[in-house]
Amino acid sequence: MEINEIQDEIIAEFSDFDDWMDRYQLLIDLGNEQAPLEEKYKTEDNLIEGCQSRVWLQADYVDGKIVFQAESDALIVKGIIALLIKVLSGHTPDEILEADLYFIDRIGLHEHLSPTRSNGLLSMVKQIRMYALAFKAKEEENEVSHN
């Protein structure tokens, strides 16, 4: 599925709820549905800087696509990273780098998060894009060395 199709699906899912308490519950449920991150990935290297709560992000490069796994010790943050993974995991570095993450504003996430959580969200997006850049560079390096 395309990144924008997934975003539209998320927007539709959130638009079923008018009350933000229900939307927070949906976020928490999404976080709880996510498979727990293996202990071996809960390292300092995988911790995202700039988040108030602890968020670990593991990225693996599989067949030209990046597969993300993550976990957080805070329920809502775990839901937020689960949404980002749902949208971006399983896509190529280019698709991730070119993605316009409009669902964040459309579901009202920015305006309903505390400033510290909003900064954390930006840090998560930035970290995901950093991984995409790194894998893209590695990809190009491999192409050059094979030619």
N, C-alpha and C. Protein backbone atom coordinates (compact mmCIF):
# COMPACT_ATOMS: atom_id res chain seq x y z
N MET A 1 0.83 -1.19 0.00
CA MET A 1 0.00 0.00 0.00
C MET A 1 0.88 1.25 0.00
N GLU A 2 0.45 2.25 -0.72
CA GLU A 2 1.20 3.52 -0.79
C GLU A 2 1.13 4.25 0.55
N ILE A 3 2.14 5.06 0.83
CA ILE A 3 2.18 5.84 2.07
C ILE A 3 0.93 6.71 2.23
N ASN A 4 0.51 7.38 1.16
CA ASN A 4 -0.66 8.25 1.27
C ASN A 4 -1.95 7.48 1.49
N GLU A 5 -2.04 6.27 0.94
CA GLU A 5 -3.24 5.45 1.17
C GLU A 5 -3.33 5.08 2.65
N ILE A 6 -2.19 4.75 3.24
CA ILE A 6 -2.16 4.40 4.66
C ILE A 6 -2.54 5.62 5.51
N GLN A 7 -2.00 6.79 5.14
CA GLN A 7 -2.33 8.02 5.87
C GLN A 7 -3.83 8.30 5.80
N ASP A 8 -4.42 8.13 4.60
CA ASP A 8 -5.86 8.38 4.43
C ASP A 8 -6.69 7.42 5.29
N GLU A 9 -6.20 6.18 5.40
CA GLU A 9 -6.88 5.18 6.24
C GLU A 9 -6.86 5.62 7.71
N ILE A 10 -5.72 6.11 8.15
CA ILE A 10 -5.57 6.57 9.54
C ILE A 10 -6.48 7.77 9.79
N ILE A 11 -6.52 8.71 8.85
CA ILE A 11 -7.37 9.89 8.98
C ILE A 11 -8.84 9.45 9.11
N ALA A 12 -9.24 8.49 8.28
CA ALA A 12 -10.62 7.99 8.33
C ALA A 12 -10.91 7.33 9.69
N GLU A 13 -9.95 6.56 10.17
CA GLU A 13 -10.12 5.88 11.45
C GLU A 13 -10.28 6.88 12.59
N PHE A 14 -9.48 7.93 12.58
CA PHE A 14 -9.55 8.93 13.64
C PHE A 14 -10.78 9.82 13.52
N SER A 15 -11.27 10.01 12.29
CA SER A 15 -12.44 10.88 12.10
C SER A 15 -13.72 10.25 12.64
N ASP A 16 -13.65 8.96 12.97
CA ASP A 16 -14.82 8.30 13.60
C ASP A 16 -15.05 8.82 15.01
N PHE A 17 -14.04 9.47 15.59
CA PHE A 17 -14.13 9.94 16.97
C PHE A 17 -14.04 11.46 17.02
N ASP A 18 -15.05 12.09 17.62
CA ASP A 18 -15.04 13.54 17.76
C ASP A 18 -14.32 13.95 19.04
N ASP A 19 -14.43 13.12 20.06
CA ASP A 19 -13.89 13.42 21.37
C ASP A 19 -12.42 13.03 21.43
N TRP A 20 -11.59 13.96 21.92
CA TRP A 20 -10.16 13.67 21.97
C TRP A 20 -9.80 12.58 22.97
N MET A 21 -10.64 12.37 24.00
CA MET A 21 -10.38 11.27 24.94
C MET A 21 -10.47 9.94 24.18
N ASP A 22 -11.42 9.85 23.27
CA ASP A 22 -11.56 8.64 22.45
C ASP A 22 -10.37 8.48 21.50
N ARG A 23 -9.91 9.59 20.96
CA ARG A 23 -8.75 9.54 20.06
C ARG A 23 -7.48 9.12 20.82
N TYR A 24 -7.34 9.63 22.05
CA TYR A 24 -6.19 9.20 22.87
C TYR A 24 -6.28 7.70 23.12
N GLN A 25 -7.50 7.22 23.39
CA GLN A 25 -7.68 5.78 23.64
C GLN A 25 -7.30 4.98 22.40
N LEU A 26 -7.67 5.48 21.23
CA LEU A 26 -7.30 4.82 19.97
C LEU A 26 -5.77 4.76 19.83
N LEU A 27 -5.10 5.87 20.15
CA LEU A 27 -3.63 5.91 20.12
C LEU A 27 -3.03 4.87 21.06
N ILE A 28 -3.58 4.81 22.29
CA ILE A 28 -3.08 3.86 23.28
C ILE A 28 -3.30 2.43 22.79
N ASP A 29 -4.48 2.17 22.20
CA ASP A 29 -4.77 0.83 21.67
C ASP A 29 -3.79 0.46 20.56
N LEU A 30 -3.51 1.42 19.67
CA LEU A 30 -2.55 1.17 18.58
C LEU A 30 -1.18 0.82 19.14
N GLY A 31 -0.78 1.54 20.17
CA GLY A 31 0.51 1.27 20.81
C GLY A 31 0.54 -0.11 21.44
N ASN A 32 -0.56 -0.50 22.07
CA ASN A 32 -0.62 -1.79 22.74
C ASN A 32 -0.69 -2.96 21.76
N GLU A 33 -1.20 -2.70 20.54
CA GLU A 33 -1.30 -3.75 19.52
C GLU A 33 0.06 -4.06 18.91
N GLN A 34 0.99 -3.13 19.06
CA GLN A 34 2.31 -3.29 18.48
C GLN A 34 3.10 -4.37 19.23
N ALA A 35 3.81 -5.20 18.49
CA ALA A 35 4.63 -6.23 19.12
C ALA A 35 5.72 -5.56 19.95
N PRO A 36 6.00 -6.11 21.13
CA PRO A 36 7.05 -5.50 21.95
C PRO A 36 8.40 -5.62 21.25
N LEU A 37 9.23 -4.63 21.47
CA LEU A 37 10.57 -4.62 20.88
C LEU A 37 11.45 -5.59 21.65
N GLU A 38 12.22 -6.39 20.93
CA GLU A 38 13.12 -7.33 21.61
C GLU A 38 14.11 -6.56 22.47
N GLU A 39 14.43 -7.14 23.63
CA GLU A 39 15.34 -6.49 24.59
C GLU A 39 16.67 -6.09 23.94
N LYS A 40 17.17 -6.94 23.02
CA LYS A 40 18.49 -6.66 22.41
C LYS A 40 18.50 -5.34 21.64
N TYR A 41 17.29 -4.83 21.26
CA TYR A 41 17.22 -3.56 20.53
C TYR A 41 17.04 -2.35 21.45
N LYS A 42 16.82 -2.61 22.74
CA LYS A 42 16.62 -1.50 23.67
C LYS A 42 17.99 -1.01 24.16
N THR A 43 18.71 -0.38 23.23
CA THR A 43 20.07 0.09 23.52
C THR A 43 20.10 1.62 23.48
N GLU A 44 21.17 2.17 24.02
CA GLU A 44 21.37 3.62 23.98
C GLU A 44 21.34 4.13 22.53
N ASP A 45 21.96 3.35 21.63
CA ASP A 45 22.02 3.75 20.21
C ASP A 45 20.64 3.89 19.59
N ASN A 46 19.68 3.10 20.05
CA ASN A 46 18.34 3.12 19.47
C ASN A 46 17.40 4.10 20.16
N LEU A 47 17.85 4.72 21.24
CA LEU A 47 17.01 5.71 21.93
C LEU A 47 16.93 6.98 21.09
N ILE A 48 15.74 7.52 20.95
CA ILE A 48 15.56 8.76 20.18
C ILE A 48 15.78 9.95 21.11
N GLU A 49 16.70 10.80 20.71
CA GLU A 49 16.96 12.00 21.51
C GLU A 49 15.86 13.03 21.27
N GLY A 50 15.55 13.79 22.30
CA GLY A 50 14.55 14.84 22.15
C GLY A 50 13.16 14.41 22.57
N CYS A 51 13.05 13.16 23.05
CA CYS A 51 11.75 12.68 23.55
C CYS A 51 11.79 12.70 25.07
N GLN A 52 10.68 13.15 25.64
CA GLN A 52 10.57 13.21 27.09
C GLN A 52 10.55 11.78 27.65
N SER A 53 9.78 10.91 27.00
CA SER A 53 9.76 9.51 27.43
C SER A 53 10.80 8.76 26.61
N ARG A 54 11.07 7.55 27.01
CA ARG A 54 12.07 6.78 26.29
C ARG A 54 11.42 6.09 25.09
N VAL A 55 12.02 6.28 23.94
CA VAL A 55 11.52 5.67 22.70
C VAL A 55 12.72 5.01 22.01
N TRP A 56 12.57 3.72 21.76
CA TRP A 56 13.61 2.99 21.03
C TRP A 56 13.12 2.73 19.62
N LEU A 57 13.98 2.97 18.65
CA LEU A 57 13.61 2.74 17.25
C LEU A 57 14.68 1.87 16.59
N GLN A 58 14.24 0.73 16.10
CA GLN A 58 15.14 -0.20 15.39
C GLN A 58 14.77 -0.16 13.91
N ALA A 59 15.78 0.01 13.06
CA ALA A 59 15.54 0.03 11.61
C ALA A 59 16.38 -1.06 10.95
N ASP A 60 15.73 -1.85 10.11
CA ASP A 60 16.45 -2.89 9.37
C ASP A 60 16.17 -2.71 7.89
N TYR A 61 17.20 -2.96 7.09
CA TYR A 61 17.09 -2.80 5.64
C TYR A 61 16.85 -4.19 5.04
N VAL A 62 15.65 -4.41 4.52
CA VAL A 62 15.28 -5.72 3.99
C VAL A 62 14.80 -5.59 2.55
N ASP A 63 15.53 -6.18 1.62
CA ASP A 63 15.14 -6.17 0.20
C ASP A 63 14.82 -4.77 -0.32
N GLY A 64 15.67 -3.80 0.00
CA GLY A 64 15.48 -2.45 -0.52
C GLY A 64 14.47 -1.60 0.22
N LYS A 65 13.88 -2.17 1.29
CA LYS A 65 12.89 -1.42 2.07
C LYS A 65 13.34 -1.37 3.53
N ILE A 66 12.88 -0.34 4.23
CA ILE A 66 13.25 -0.21 5.64
C ILE A 66 12.09 -0.70 6.50
N VAL A 67 12.42 -1.59 7.43
CA VAL A 67 11.42 -2.12 8.35
C VAL A 67 11.74 -1.56 9.74
N PHE A 68 10.77 -0.86 10.29
CA PHE A 68 10.96 -0.24 11.61
C PHE A 68 10.23 -1.04 12.69
N GLN A 69 10.85 -1.06 13.85
CA GLN A 69 10.20 -1.58 15.06
C GLN A 69 10.50 -0.57 16.15
N ALA A 70 9.57 -0.41 17.07
CA ALA A 70 9.82 0.58 18.13
C ALA A 70 9.04 0.24 19.38
N GLU A 71 9.44 0.91 20.44
CA GLU A 71 8.71 0.79 21.68
C GLU A 71 8.96 2.03 22.51
N SER A 72 8.01 2.33 23.38
CA SER A 72 8.16 3.46 24.29
C SER A 72 7.65 3.05 25.66
N ASP A 73 8.14 3.74 26.69
CA ASP A 73 7.64 3.45 28.03
C ASP A 73 6.42 4.31 28.38
N ALA A 74 5.96 5.13 27.43
CA ALA A 74 4.76 5.94 27.66
C ALA A 74 3.67 5.50 26.68
N LEU A 75 2.46 5.32 27.16
CA LEU A 75 1.37 4.76 26.35
C LEU A 75 1.04 5.58 25.10
N ILE A 76 0.85 6.88 25.27
CA ILE A 76 0.47 7.71 24.11
C ILE A 76 1.61 7.79 23.11
N VAL A 77 2.84 7.92 23.62
CA VAL A 77 4.01 7.99 22.75
C VAL A 77 4.16 6.68 21.97
N LYS A 78 3.88 5.57 22.64
CA LYS A 78 3.94 4.26 21.99
C LYS A 78 2.93 4.22 20.83
N GLY A 79 1.77 4.84 21.03
CA GLY A 79 0.76 4.93 19.97
C GLY A 79 1.22 5.81 18.82
N ILE A 80 1.89 6.90 19.14
CA ILE A 80 2.38 7.82 18.11
C ILE A 80 3.43 7.14 17.24
N ILE A 81 4.39 6.46 17.87
CA ILE A 81 5.43 5.79 17.09
C ILE A 81 4.82 4.62 16.30
N ALA A 82 3.78 3.99 16.86
CA ALA A 82 3.09 2.91 16.14
C ALA A 82 2.46 3.45 14.86
N LEU A 83 1.88 4.65 14.93
CA LEU A 83 1.29 5.29 13.74
C LEU A 83 2.38 5.57 12.70
N LEU A 84 3.49 6.14 13.14
CA LEU A 84 4.58 6.47 12.21
C LEU A 84 5.10 5.19 11.52
N ILE A 85 5.22 4.12 12.30
CA ILE A 85 5.70 2.86 11.74
C ILE A 85 4.67 2.30 10.75
N LYS A 86 3.40 2.40 11.12
CA LYS A 86 2.34 1.91 10.23
C LYS A 86 2.42 2.60 8.86
N VAL A 87 2.71 3.89 8.88
CA VAL A 87 2.77 4.68 7.65
C VAL A 87 4.07 4.44 6.88
N LEU A 88 5.20 4.37 7.57
CA LEU A 88 6.49 4.42 6.87
C LEU A 88 7.25 3.10 6.77
N SER A 89 6.97 2.15 7.63
CA SER A 89 7.71 0.89 7.60
C SER A 89 7.37 0.10 6.34
N GLY A 90 8.39 -0.56 5.78
CA GLY A 90 8.16 -1.37 4.59
C GLY A 90 8.22 -0.59 3.30
N HIS A 91 8.78 0.62 3.37
CA HIS A 91 8.93 1.45 2.17
C HIS A 91 10.40 1.70 1.89
N THR A 92 10.69 2.16 0.68
CA THR A 92 12.08 2.42 0.29
C THR A 92 12.55 3.72 0.95
N PRO A 93 13.87 3.89 1.06
CA PRO A 93 14.39 5.14 1.62
C PRO A 93 13.83 6.37 0.88
N ASP A 94 13.78 6.31 -0.47
CA ASP A 94 13.26 7.45 -1.24
C ASP A 94 11.81 7.76 -0.89
N GLU A 95 10.98 6.71 -0.79
CA GLU A 95 9.56 6.92 -0.47
C GLU A 95 9.42 7.60 0.90
N ILE A 96 10.24 7.16 1.84
CA ILE A 96 10.19 7.73 3.19
C ILE A 96 10.65 9.18 3.18
N LEU A 97 11.74 9.45 2.45
CA LEU A 97 12.27 10.82 2.40
C LEU A 97 11.33 11.78 1.67
N GLU A 98 10.58 11.27 0.70
CA GLU A 98 9.68 12.14 -0.08
C GLU A 98 8.29 12.25 0.54
N ALA A 99 8.01 11.46 1.56
CA ALA A 99 6.67 11.43 2.15
C ALA A 99 6.32 12.74 2.84
N ASP A 100 5.12 13.21 2.55
CA ASP A 100 4.56 14.37 3.26
C ASP A 100 3.63 13.78 4.31
N LEU A 101 4.01 13.87 5.56
CA LEU A 101 3.23 13.24 6.63
C LEU A 101 2.06 14.12 7.05
N TYR A 102 1.11 14.28 6.13
CA TYR A 102 -0.02 15.19 6.39
C TYR A 102 -1.01 14.64 7.40
N PHE A 103 -0.97 13.34 7.66
CA PHE A 103 -1.95 12.76 8.60
C PHE A 103 -1.79 13.33 10.02
N ILE A 104 -0.56 13.74 10.37
CA ILE A 104 -0.29 14.25 11.72
C ILE A 104 -1.17 15.47 12.01
N ASP A 105 -1.23 16.41 11.04
CA ASP A 105 -2.08 17.59 11.23
C ASP A 105 -3.55 17.26 11.03
N ARG A 106 -3.85 16.40 10.05
CA ARG A 106 -5.24 16.11 9.72
C ARG A 106 -6.00 15.42 10.85
N ILE A 107 -5.29 14.61 11.65
CA ILE A 107 -5.99 13.97 12.77
C ILE A 107 -5.91 14.83 14.03
N GLY A 108 -5.25 16.01 13.90
CA GLY A 108 -5.20 16.95 15.03
C GLY A 108 -4.16 16.60 16.07
N LEU A 109 -3.20 15.78 15.69
CA LEU A 109 -2.20 15.33 16.65
C LEU A 109 -1.38 16.49 17.20
N HIS A 110 -0.88 17.35 16.29
CA HIS A 110 -0.04 18.48 16.73
C HIS A 110 -0.75 19.35 17.76
N GLU A 111 -1.99 19.71 17.48
CA GLU A 111 -2.67 20.66 18.37
C GLU A 111 -3.10 20.04 19.69
N HIS A 112 -3.15 18.69 19.78
CA HIS A 112 -3.60 18.06 21.02
C HIS A 112 -2.46 17.43 21.81
N LEU A 113 -1.24 17.65 21.38
CA LEU A 113 -0.10 17.14 22.15
C LEU A 113 0.53 18.29 22.93
N SER A 114 1.07 17.96 24.09
CA SER A 114 1.80 18.98 24.86
C SER A 114 3.03 19.37 24.04
N PRO A 115 3.59 20.57 24.30
CA PRO A 115 4.78 20.99 23.55
C PRO A 115 5.92 19.96 23.61
N THR A 116 6.10 19.32 24.78
CA THR A 116 7.20 18.34 24.88
C THR A 116 6.89 17.11 24.02
N ARG A 117 5.63 16.68 24.00
CA ARG A 117 5.27 15.53 23.16
C ARG A 117 5.38 15.88 21.69
N SER A 118 5.00 17.11 21.34
CA SER A 118 5.11 17.57 19.95
C SER A 118 6.57 17.54 19.50
N ASN A 119 7.46 18.01 20.37
CA ASN A 119 8.89 17.96 20.05
C ASN A 119 9.35 16.52 19.90
N GLY A 120 8.83 15.65 20.75
CA GLY A 120 9.17 14.23 20.67
C GLY A 120 8.73 13.63 19.35
N LEU A 121 7.53 14.02 18.89
CA LEU A 121 7.00 13.55 17.60
C LEU A 121 7.94 13.98 16.48
N LEU A 122 8.36 15.24 16.50
CA LEU A 122 9.29 15.74 15.49
C LEU A 122 10.62 14.97 15.53
N SER A 123 11.09 14.66 16.75
CA SER A 123 12.33 13.89 16.90
C SER A 123 12.18 12.49 16.30
N MET A 124 11.00 11.88 16.49
CA MET A 124 10.76 10.54 15.93
C MET A 124 10.80 10.58 14.41
N VAL A 125 10.11 11.57 13.83
CA VAL A 125 10.08 11.71 12.37
C VAL A 125 11.50 11.95 11.85
N LYS A 126 12.24 12.82 12.54
CA LYS A 126 13.60 13.15 12.14
C LYS A 126 14.48 11.90 12.17
N GLN A 127 14.34 11.09 13.22
CA GLN A 127 15.15 9.88 13.35
C GLN A 127 14.82 8.88 12.23
N ILE A 128 13.54 8.73 11.92
CA ILE A 128 13.12 7.83 10.83
C ILE A 128 13.74 8.30 9.51
N ARG A 129 13.72 9.60 9.28
CA ARG A 129 14.30 10.15 8.04
C ARG A 129 15.82 10.00 8.02
N MET A 130 16.45 10.09 9.20
CA MET A 130 17.90 9.90 9.27
C MET A 130 18.26 8.47 8.86
N TYR A 131 17.48 7.51 9.35
CA TYR A 131 17.71 6.12 8.95
C TYR A 131 17.54 5.97 7.43
N ALA A 132 16.50 6.60 6.89
CA ALA A 132 16.25 6.51 5.44
C ALA A 132 17.44 7.09 4.67
N LEU A 133 17.96 8.22 5.13
CA LEU A 133 19.13 8.83 4.48
C LEU A 133 20.34 7.90 4.55
N ALA A 134 20.56 7.31 5.71
CA ALA A 134 21.71 6.43 5.91
C ALA A 134 21.61 5.21 5.00
N PHE A 135 20.42 4.59 4.93
CA PHE A 135 20.25 3.41 4.08
C PHE A 135 20.36 3.78 2.60
N LYS A 136 19.88 4.97 2.26
CA LYS A 136 19.97 5.42 0.87
C LYS A 136 21.45 5.61 0.48
N ALA A 137 22.22 6.21 1.37
CA ALA A 137 23.65 6.42 1.12
C ALA A 137 24.36 5.08 0.96
N LYS A 138 24.01 4.13 1.82
CA LYS A 138 24.61 2.80 1.77
C LYS A 138 24.26 2.11 0.44
N GLU A 139 23.00 2.29 0.03
CA GLU A 139 22.48 1.73 -1.23
C GLU A 139 23.32 2.27 -2.41
N GLU A 140 23.50 3.59 -2.42
CA GLU A 140 24.25 4.24 -3.51
C GLU A 140 25.73 3.80 -3.49
N GLU A 141 26.27 3.65 -2.30
CA GLU A 141 27.64 3.20 -2.13
C GLU A 141 27.81 1.80 -2.73
N ASN A 142 26.84 0.92 -2.44
CA ASN A 142 26.88 -0.45 -2.95
C ASN A 142 26.77 -0.47 -4.47
N GLU A 143 25.93 0.40 -5.03
CA GLU A 143 25.77 0.47 -6.48
C GLU A 143 27.09 0.89 -7.13
N VAL A 144 27.77 1.87 -6.53
CA VAL A 144 29.04 2.35 -7.07
C VAL A 144 30.09 1.25 -7.00
N SER A 145 30.15 0.53 -5.86
CA SER A 145 31.16 -0.50 -5.70
C SER A 145 30.89 -1.73 -6.57
N HIS A 146 29.65 -1.91 -7.02
CA HIS A 146 29.32 -3.05 -7.89
C HIS A 146 29.49 -2.72 -9.38
N ASN A 147 29.68 -1.44 -9.69
CA ASN A 147 29.82 -1.06 -11.10
C ASN A 147 31.28 -1.00 -11.53
